[in-house]
Amino acid sequence: MGAFDELKNKGQQYAEDHPEQVEKASDQAVERGGDAADQASGDKYEKQVDAAQKKADGAIGQ
């Protein structure tokens, strides 16, 4: 088993053991990404960014 496989397995095990923390981290990442996109576009595409954030959160979320 390679080092990356071992790391992947540890990550998967952590996610299974701590779903609340993983959900919180993914929510923060989606929010920060959307904020960065809004800032970069001067809020020109705010509605589209918000829709993408909602879709991403649904795909990642539990």
PDB file of N, CA and C in Angstrom:
ATOM      1  N   MET A   1       0.858  -1.177   0.000  1.00  0.00           N
ATOM      2  CA  MET A   1       0.000   0.000   0.000  1.00  0.00           C
ATOM      3  C   MET A   1       0.896   1.229   0.000  1.00  0.00           C
ATOM      4  N   GLY A   2       0.629   2.142  -0.902  1.00  0.00           N
ATOM      5  CA  GLY A   2       1.423   3.346  -0.998  1.00  0.00           C
ATOM      6  C   GLY A   2       1.059   4.363   0.064  1.00  0.00           C
ATOM      7  N   ALA A   3       1.903   5.368   0.167  1.00  0.00           N
ATOM      8  CA  ALA A   3       1.685   6.420   1.159  1.00  0.00           C
ATOM      9  C   ALA A   3       0.382   7.176   0.891  1.00  0.00           C
ATOM     10  N   PHE A   4       0.072   7.390  -0.392  1.00  0.00           N
ATOM     11  CA  PHE A   4      -1.157   8.119  -0.710  1.00  0.00           C
ATOM     12  C   PHE A   4      -2.398   7.293  -0.381  1.00  0.00           C
ATOM     13  N   ASP A   5      -2.319   5.991  -0.598  1.00  0.00           N
ATOM     14  CA  ASP A   5      -3.445   5.130  -0.247  1.00  0.00           C
ATOM     15  C   ASP A   5      -3.689   5.146   1.255  1.00  0.00           C
ATOM     16  N   GLU A   6      -2.600   5.120   2.012  1.00  0.00           N
ATOM     17  CA  GLU A   6      -2.720   5.156   3.470  1.00  0.00           C
ATOM     18  C   GLU A   6      -3.337   6.476   3.933  1.00  0.00           C
ATOM     19  N   LEU A   7      -2.888   7.566   3.339  1.00  0.00           N
ATOM     20  CA  LEU A   7      -3.427   8.881   3.677  1.00  0.00           C
ATOM     21  C   LEU A   7      -4.906   8.968   3.309  1.00  0.00           C
ATOM     22  N   LYS A   8      -5.255   8.443   2.134  1.00  0.00           N
ATOM     23  CA  LYS A   8      -6.653   8.437   1.698  1.00  0.00           C
ATOM     24  C   LYS A   8      -7.517   7.654   2.679  1.00  0.00           C
ATOM     25  N   ASN A   9      -7.043   6.480   3.092  1.00  0.00           N
ATOM     26  CA  ASN A   9      -7.806   5.659   4.031  1.00  0.00           C
ATOM     27  C   ASN A   9      -7.986   6.355   5.375  1.00  0.00           C
ATOM     28  N   LYS A  10      -6.952   7.037   5.841  1.00  0.00           N
ATOM     29  CA  LYS A  10      -7.054   7.778   7.100  1.00  0.00           C
ATOM     30  C   LYS A  10      -8.069   8.907   6.974  1.00  0.00           C
ATOM     31  N   GLY A  11      -8.061   9.590   5.833  1.00  0.00           N
ATOM     32  CA  GLY A  11      -9.021  10.669   5.601  1.00  0.00           C
ATOM     33  C   GLY A  11     -10.448  10.158   5.566  1.00  0.00           C
ATOM     34  N   GLN A  12     -10.654   9.042   4.907  1.00  0.00           N
ATOM     35  CA  GLN A  12     -11.990   8.457   4.847  1.00  0.00           C
ATOM     36  C   GLN A  12     -12.461   8.014   6.231  1.00  0.00           C
ATOM     37  N   GLN A  13     -11.567   7.443   6.990  1.00  0.00           N
ATOM     38  CA  GLN A  13     -11.924   7.003   8.341  1.00  0.00           C
ATOM     39  C   GLN A  13     -12.275   8.200   9.221  1.00  0.00           C
ATOM     40  N   TYR A  14     -11.495   9.278   9.105  1.00  0.00           N
ATOM     41  CA  TYR A  14     -11.780  10.489   9.875  1.00  0.00           C
ATOM     42  C   TYR A  14     -13.163  11.029   9.511  1.00  0.00           C
ATOM     43  N   ALA A  15     -13.463  11.062   8.214  1.00  0.00           N
ATOM     44  CA  ALA A  15     -14.760  11.576   7.760  1.00  0.00           C
ATOM     45  C   ALA A  15     -15.904  10.738   8.314  1.00  0.00           C
ATOM     46  N   GLU A  16     -15.710   9.429   8.378  1.00  0.00           N
ATOM     47  CA  GLU A  16     -16.746   8.561   8.926  1.00  0.00           C
ATOM     48  C   GLU A  16     -16.907   8.749  10.439  1.00  0.00           C
ATOM     49  N   ASP A  17     -15.791   8.997  11.112  1.00  0.00           N
ATOM     50  CA  ASP A  17     -15.822   9.141  12.567  1.00  0.00           C
ATOM     51  C   ASP A  17     -16.293  10.523  13.024  1.00  0.00           C
ATOM     52  N   HIS A  18     -16.129  11.536  12.182  1.00  0.00           N
ATOM     53  CA  HIS A  18     -16.430  12.918  12.562  1.00  0.00           C
ATOM     54  C   HIS A  18     -17.232  13.641  11.472  1.00  0.00           C
ATOM     55  N   PRO A  19     -18.424  13.172  11.153  1.00  0.00           N
ATOM     56  CA  PRO A  19     -19.185  13.777  10.043  1.00  0.00           C
ATOM     57  C   PRO A  19     -19.571  15.242  10.294  1.00  0.00           C
ATOM     58  N   GLU A  20     -19.782  15.619  11.552  1.00  0.00           N
ATOM     59  CA  GLU A  20     -20.178  17.003  11.840  1.00  0.00           C
ATOM     60  C   GLU A  20     -19.036  17.964  11.506  1.00  0.00           C
ATOM     61  N   GLN A  21     -17.827  17.585  11.859  1.00  0.00           N
ATOM     62  CA  GLN A  21     -16.677  18.449  11.595  1.00  0.00           C
ATOM     63  C   GLN A  21     -16.407  18.547  10.096  1.00  0.00           C
ATOM     64  N   VAL A  22     -16.580  17.445   9.380  1.00  0.00           N
ATOM     65  CA  VAL A  22     -16.366  17.444   7.933  1.00  0.00           C
ATOM     66  C   VAL A  22     -17.418  18.330   7.265  1.00  0.00           C
ATOM     67  N   GLU A  23     -18.648  18.233   7.705  1.00  0.00           N
ATOM     68  CA  GLU A  23     -19.721  19.061   7.144  1.00  0.00           C
ATOM     69  C   GLU A  23     -19.447  20.544   7.385  1.00  0.00           C
ATOM     70  N   LYS A  24     -19.026  20.868   8.593  1.00  0.00           N
ATOM     71  CA  LYS A  24     -18.718  22.259   8.922  1.00  0.00           C
ATOM     72  C   LYS A  24     -17.581  22.783   8.042  1.00  0.00           C
ATOM     73  N   ALA A  25     -16.549  21.984   7.860  1.00  0.00           N
ATOM     74  CA  ALA A  25     -15.408  22.396   7.034  1.00  0.00           C
ATOM     75  C   ALA A  25     -15.825  22.569   5.578  1.00  0.00           C
ATOM     76  N   SER A  26     -16.662  21.679   5.075  1.00  0.00           N
ATOM     77  CA  SER A  26     -17.098  21.805   3.682  1.00  0.00           C
ATOM     78  C   SER A  26     -17.993  23.029   3.501  1.00  0.00           C
ATOM     79  N   ASP A  27     -18.842  23.307   4.477  1.00  0.00           N
ATOM     80  CA  ASP A  27     -19.678  24.508   4.413  1.00  0.00           C
ATOM     81  C   ASP A  27     -18.819  25.769   4.365  1.00  0.00           C
ATOM     82  N   GLN A  28     -17.789  25.803   5.200  1.00  0.00           N
ATOM     83  CA  GLN A  28     -16.895  26.964   5.219  1.00  0.00           C
ATOM     84  C   GLN A  28     -16.153  27.109   3.894  1.00  0.00           C
ATOM     85  N   ALA A  29     -15.713  26.004   3.321  1.00  0.00           N
ATOM     86  CA  ALA A  29     -14.985  26.057   2.054  1.00  0.00           C
ATOM     87  C   ALA A  29     -15.882  26.565   0.926  1.00  0.00           C
ATOM     88  N   VAL A  30     -17.104  26.087   0.876  1.00  0.00           N
ATOM     89  CA  VAL A  30     -18.046  26.535  -0.156  1.00  0.00           C
ATOM     90  C   VAL A  30     -18.335  28.029   0.018  1.00  0.00           C
ATOM     91  N   GLU A  31     -18.536  28.456   1.247  1.00  0.00           N
ATOM     92  CA  GLU A  31     -18.826  29.864   1.530  1.00  0.00           C
ATOM     93  C   GLU A  31     -17.644  30.756   1.130  1.00  0.00           C
ATOM     94  N   ARG A  32     -16.449  30.354   1.510  1.00  0.00           N
ATOM     95  CA  ARG A  32     -15.259  31.147   1.174  1.00  0.00           C
ATOM     96  C   ARG A  32     -15.037  31.204  -0.331  1.00  0.00           C
ATOM     97  N   GLY A  33     -15.271  30.095  -0.998  1.00  0.00           N
ATOM     98  CA  GLY A  33     -15.123  30.078  -2.457  1.00  0.00           C
ATOM     99  C   GLY A  33     -16.118  31.019  -3.122  1.00  0.00           C
ATOM    100  N   GLY A  34     -17.346  30.996  -2.650  1.00  0.00           N
ATOM    101  CA  GLY A  34     -18.357  31.904  -3.198  1.00  0.00           C
ATOM    102  C   GLY A  34     -18.033  33.353  -2.917  1.00  0.00           C
ATOM    103  N   ASP A  35     -17.554  33.629  -1.722  1.00  0.00           N
ATOM    104  CA  ASP A  35     -17.163  35.000  -1.376  1.00  0.00           C
ATOM    105  C   ASP A  35     -16.032  35.484  -2.274  1.00  0.00           C
ATOM    106  N   ALA A  36     -15.066  34.601  -2.547  1.00  0.00           N
ATOM    107  CA  ALA A  36     -13.946  34.963  -3.418  1.00  0.00           C
ATOM    108  C   ALA A  36     -14.436  35.233  -4.835  1.00  0.00           C
ATOM    109  N   ALA A  37     -15.360  34.420  -5.317  1.00  0.00           N
ATOM    110  CA  ALA A  37     -15.912  34.629  -6.658  1.00  0.00           C
ATOM    111  C   ALA A  37     -16.690  35.935  -6.726  1.00  0.00           C
ATOM    112  N   ASP A  38     -17.458  36.231  -5.694  1.00  0.00           N
ATOM    113  CA  ASP A  38     -18.204  37.494  -5.656  1.00  0.00           C
ATOM    114  C   ASP A  38     -17.250  38.680  -5.664  1.00  0.00           C
ATOM    115  N   GLN A  39     -16.209  38.597  -4.876  1.00  0.00           N
ATOM    116  CA  GLN A  39     -15.246  39.693  -4.800  1.00  0.00           C
ATOM    117  C   GLN A  39     -14.526  39.874  -6.142  1.00  0.00           C
ATOM    118  N   ALA A  40     -14.128  38.774  -6.760  1.00  0.00           N
ATOM    119  CA  ALA A  40     -13.400  38.846  -8.025  1.00  0.00           C
ATOM    120  C   ALA A  40     -14.262  39.422  -9.143  1.00  0.00           C
ATOM    121  N   SER A  41     -15.574  39.184  -9.081  1.00  0.00           N
ATOM    122  CA  SER A  41     -16.469  39.664 -10.129  1.00  0.00           C
ATOM    123  C   SER A  41     -17.162  40.969  -9.751  1.00  0.00           C
ATOM    124  N   GLY A  42     -16.834  41.506  -8.593  1.00  0.00           N
ATOM    125  CA  GLY A  42     -17.507  42.723  -8.145  1.00  0.00           C
ATOM    126  C   GLY A  42     -18.991  42.498  -7.924  1.00  0.00           C
ATOM    127  N   ASP A  43     -19.355  41.320  -7.479  1.00  0.00           N
ATOM    128  CA  ASP A  43     -20.742  40.910  -7.233  1.00  0.00           C
ATOM    129  C   ASP A  43     -21.604  40.923  -8.493  1.00  0.00           C
ATOM    130  N   LYS A  44     -20.963  40.942  -9.660  1.00  0.00           N
ATOM    131  CA  LYS A  44     -21.699  40.972 -10.923  1.00  0.00           C
ATOM    132  C   LYS A  44     -22.527  39.697 -11.118  1.00  0.00           C
ATOM    133  N   TYR A  45     -22.016  38.576 -10.632  1.00  0.00           N
ATOM    134  CA  TYR A  45     -22.680  37.287 -10.818  1.00  0.00           C
ATOM    135  C   TYR A  45     -23.148  36.702  -9.480  1.00  0.00           C
ATOM    136  N   GLU A  46     -23.578  37.559  -8.591  1.00  0.00           N
ATOM    137  CA  GLU A  46     -23.929  37.146  -7.238  1.00  0.00           C
ATOM    138  C   GLU A  46     -25.005  36.057  -7.219  1.00  0.00           C
ATOM    139  N   LYS A  47     -26.034  36.201  -8.023  1.00  0.00           N
ATOM    140  CA  LYS A  47     -27.115  35.207  -8.042  1.00  0.00           C
ATOM    141  C   LYS A  47     -26.612  33.856  -8.533  1.00  0.00           C
ATOM    142  N   GLN A  48     -25.779  33.873  -9.580  1.00  0.00           N
ATOM    143  CA  GLN A  48     -25.245  32.626 -10.103  1.00  0.00           C
ATOM    144  C   GLN A  48     -24.296  31.968  -9.104  1.00  0.00           C
ATOM    145  N   VAL A  49     -23.489  32.781  -8.426  1.00  0.00           N
ATOM    146  CA  VAL A  49     -22.563  32.257  -7.424  1.00  0.00           C
ATOM    147  C   VAL A  49     -23.346  31.650  -6.269  1.00  0.00           C
ATOM    148  N   ASP A  50     -24.390  32.326  -5.824  1.00  0.00           N
ATOM    149  CA  ASP A  50     -25.211  31.796  -4.733  1.00  0.00           C
ATOM    150  C   ASP A  50     -25.851  30.462  -5.125  1.00  0.00           C
ATOM    151  N   ALA A  51     -26.331  30.372  -6.367  1.00  0.00           N
ATOM    152  CA  ALA A  51     -26.927  29.122  -6.838  1.00  0.00           C
ATOM    153  C   ALA A  51     -25.878  28.008  -6.880  1.00  0.00           C
ATOM    154  N   ALA A  52     -24.680  28.336  -7.325  1.00  0.00           N
ATOM    155  CA  ALA A  52     -23.603  27.339  -7.374  1.00  0.00           C
ATOM    156  C   ALA A  52     -23.209  26.893  -5.968  1.00  0.00           C
ATOM    157  N   GLN A  53     -23.180  27.833  -5.031  1.00  0.00           N
ATOM    158  CA  GLN A  53     -22.854  27.486  -3.640  1.00  0.00           C
ATOM    159  C   GLN A  53     -23.898  26.514  -3.088  1.00  0.00           C
ATOM    160  N   LYS A  54     -25.143  26.793  -3.348  1.00  0.00           N
ATOM    161  CA  LYS A  54     -26.227  25.943  -2.847  1.00  0.00           C
ATOM    162  C   LYS A  54     -26.123  24.538  -3.449  1.00  0.00           C
ATOM    163  N   LYS A  55     -25.837  24.477  -4.747  1.00  0.00           N
ATOM    164  CA  LYS A  55     -25.713  23.187  -5.411  1.00  0.00           C
ATOM    165  C   LYS A  55     -24.504  22.418  -4.888  1.00  0.00           C
ATOM    166  N   ALA A  56     -23.387  23.113  -4.712  1.00  0.00           N
ATOM    167  CA  ALA A  56     -22.171  22.457  -4.194  1.00  0.00           C
ATOM    168  C   ALA A  56     -22.396  21.948  -2.778  1.00  0.00           C
ATOM    169  N   ASP A  57     -23.044  22.732  -1.951  1.00  0.00           N
ATOM    170  CA  ASP A  57     -23.303  22.316  -0.574  1.00  0.00           C
ATOM    171  C   ASP A  57     -24.203  21.075  -0.559  1.00  0.00           C
ATOM    172  N   GLY A  58     -25.178  21.042  -1.448  1.00  0.00           N
ATOM    173  CA  GLY A  58     -26.055  19.882  -1.525  1.00  0.00           C
ATOM    174  C   GLY A  58     -25.327  18.632  -1.994  1.00  0.00           C
ATOM    175  N   ALA A  59     -24.395  18.800  -2.917  1.00  0.00           N
ATOM    176  CA  ALA A  59     -23.639  17.665  -3.439  1.00  0.00           C
ATOM    177  C   ALA A  59     -22.651  17.132  -2.403  1.00  0.00           C
ATOM    178  N   ILE A  60     -22.067  18.033  -1.618  1.00  0.00           N
ATOM    179  CA  ILE A  60     -21.075  17.642  -0.626  1.00  0.00           C
ATOM    180  C   ILE A  60     -21.741  17.231   0.669  1.00  0.00           C
ATOM    181  N   GLY A  61     -22.789  17.952   1.037  1.00  0.00           N
ATOM    182  CA  GLY A  61     -23.429  17.781   2.344  1.00  0.00           C
ATOM    183  C   GLY A  61     -24.024  16.419   2.575  1.00  0.00           C
ATOM    184  N   GLN A  62     -24.420  16.219   3.792  1.00  0.00           N
ATOM    185  CA  GLN A  62     -24.948  14.932   4.212  1.00  0.00           C
ATOM    186  C   GLN A  62     -26.444  14.954   4.272  1.00  0.00           C
TER     187      GLN A  62
END
